Protein backbone atom coordinates (compact mmCIF):
# COMPACT_ATOMS: atom_id res chain seq x y z
CA MET A 1 -29.58 21.09 51.10
CA LEU A 2 -30.81 17.58 51.91
CA GLU A 3 -30.61 18.33 55.60
CA THR A 4 -32.71 21.48 55.15
CA ILE A 5 -35.32 19.59 53.11
CA ASP A 6 -35.48 16.84 55.74
CA ILE A 7 -35.89 19.40 58.55
CA LYS A 8 -38.73 21.11 56.68
CA PHE A 9 -40.57 17.83 56.04
CA GLN A 10 -40.09 16.62 59.63
CA SER A 11 -41.60 19.87 60.86
CA LEU A 12 -44.43 19.64 58.35
CA VAL A 13 -45.32 16.15 59.57
CA LYS A 14 -45.69 17.46 63.13
CA GLU A 15 -48.48 19.74 61.96
CA ASP A 16 -51.88 18.82 60.57
CA ILE A 17 -50.61 18.37 57.03
CA GLU A 18 -54.07 18.01 55.47
CA LYS A 19 -55.26 21.25 57.06
CA THR A 20 -52.04 23.00 56.08
CA SER A 21 -52.36 21.78 52.48
CA LYS A 22 -55.93 23.09 52.22
CA GLU A 23 -55.13 26.44 53.86
CA ASN A 24 -52.15 27.09 51.58
CA GLU A 25 -53.70 25.51 48.47
CA TYR A 26 -50.62 23.30 47.91
CA ASN A 27 -50.49 19.53 48.04
CA PHE A 28 -47.86 19.09 50.76
CA ILE A 29 -49.08 15.53 51.37
CA ASP A 30 -48.04 14.21 47.95
CA ILE A 31 -44.77 16.14 48.03
CA LYS A 32 -43.94 14.68 51.45
CA ASN A 33 -44.89 11.16 50.33
CA VAL A 34 -42.64 11.31 47.25
CA TRP A 35 -39.71 12.55 49.35
CA GLU A 36 -40.20 9.87 52.01
CA ARG A 37 -40.33 7.08 49.39
CA LEU A 38 -36.85 8.01 48.17
CA GLN A 39 -33.96 6.07 49.68
CA ASP A 40 -31.57 7.93 51.92
CA ALA A 41 -28.65 9.58 50.19
CA ARG A 42 -25.75 7.48 49.02
CA GLU A 43 -22.23 8.47 48.09
CA ASP A 44 -21.90 6.54 44.82
CA ILE A 45 -24.33 8.62 42.78
CA VAL A 46 -25.28 7.50 39.28
CA LEU A 47 -25.90 10.70 37.31
CA GLY A 48 -29.45 10.84 36.04
CA GLY A 49 -30.82 8.49 38.66
CA LYS A 50 -33.75 9.46 40.83
CA LYS A 51 -34.13 6.64 43.31
CA ASP A 52 -32.38 8.33 46.21
CA LYS A 53 -32.57 11.82 47.67
CA ILE A 54 -29.20 13.08 46.39
CA SER A 55 -29.85 11.86 42.85
CA PHE A 56 -33.36 13.31 42.86
CA VAL A 57 -32.20 16.73 44.05
CA LYS A 58 -29.36 16.76 41.51
CA LEU A 59 -31.79 15.77 38.76
CA VAL A 60 -34.05 18.70 39.68
CA LEU A 61 -31.10 21.11 39.90
CA HIS A 62 -29.75 20.04 36.50
CA PHE A 63 -33.22 20.42 34.98
CA LEU A 64 -33.56 23.93 36.41
CA GLU A 65 -30.10 24.78 35.10
CA GLU A 66 -30.88 23.44 31.61
CA GLU A 67 -34.00 25.61 31.58
CA LYS A 68 -31.83 28.60 32.56
CA LEU A 69 -33.71 29.08 35.82
CA ILE A 70 -30.73 28.65 38.13
CA ASN A 71 -26.95 28.66 38.01
CA PHE A 72 -25.66 25.61 39.85
CA ASN A 73 -22.00 25.36 40.80
CA GLU A 74 -21.85 21.75 41.95
CA GLU A 75 -18.21 21.91 43.03
CA ARG A 76 -18.81 24.88 45.34
CA GLN A 77 -22.40 23.79 46.10
CA ILE A 78 -23.83 27.20 45.23
CA ILE A 79 -27.23 27.79 43.65
CA THR A 80 -28.25 31.20 42.37
CA LEU A 81 -31.54 32.14 40.77
CA THR A 82 -31.48 33.64 37.29
CA THR A 83 -33.37 36.74 36.26
CA ARG A 84 -35.61 34.48 34.17
CA PHE A 85 -36.57 32.42 37.24
CA LYS A 86 -37.27 35.54 39.28
CA ALA A 87 -39.44 36.96 36.49
CA ILE A 88 -41.48 33.75 36.22
CA VAL A 89 -42.07 33.67 39.97
CA TYR A 90 -42.92 37.38 40.04
CA PHE A 91 -45.49 37.12 37.24
CA TYR A 92 -46.94 33.89 38.61
CA PHE A 93 -47.55 35.42 42.02
CA GLU A 94 -48.24 38.98 40.86
CA ASN A 95 -51.98 38.67 41.48
CA SER A 96 -51.59 36.77 44.74
CA LYS A 97 -48.70 38.43 46.57
CA GLU A 98 -50.40 37.85 49.90
CA ASN A 99 -50.59 34.09 49.25
CA LYS A 100 -46.96 34.01 48.08
CA ASN A 101 -45.72 35.83 51.17
CA LYS A 102 -47.83 33.63 53.43
CA LEU A 103 -46.50 30.45 51.80
CA LEU A 104 -42.86 31.62 51.87
CA GLU A 105 -43.12 32.64 55.51
CA TYR A 106 -44.70 29.28 56.35
CA VAL A 107 -41.97 27.25 54.59
CA TYR A 108 -39.10 29.37 55.98
CA ASN A 109 -40.45 28.94 59.51
CA LEU A 110 -40.74 25.16 59.26
CA GLY A 111 -38.05 23.46 61.28
CA GLY A 112 -36.84 26.41 63.28
CA GLU A 113 -33.65 28.28 62.68
CA GLU A 114 -31.31 26.22 60.52
CA ASP A 115 -28.62 28.24 58.77
CA ALA A 116 -29.75 28.58 55.16
CA THR A 117 -29.24 31.26 52.56
CA TYR A 118 -31.95 32.10 50.06
CA GLN A 119 -31.11 34.29 47.07
């Protein structure tokens, strides 16, 4: 997952990030800056930390799981979206399906053709 995130951000940096942020109405600049400030991943993770990329991603995944938005099998490294998560996304984007599809297509196309599964 970290590799995929890094690939997406590296590709985003190659583009005009300010223009892209305005066109898509998302603040990619701040998101990229937060990610880049995090230290590279380390093996000796302290649960609950958020100072490196692995800890930050795990913190977010555990939060999403606590909110019953995903099921996260850490041992098998599998993430599945819950019906609740899908419903929230559906209702959030219901009035702007064109924007949602445009944003998803944009993010999926960043970084080329890495092997990733989205459920």
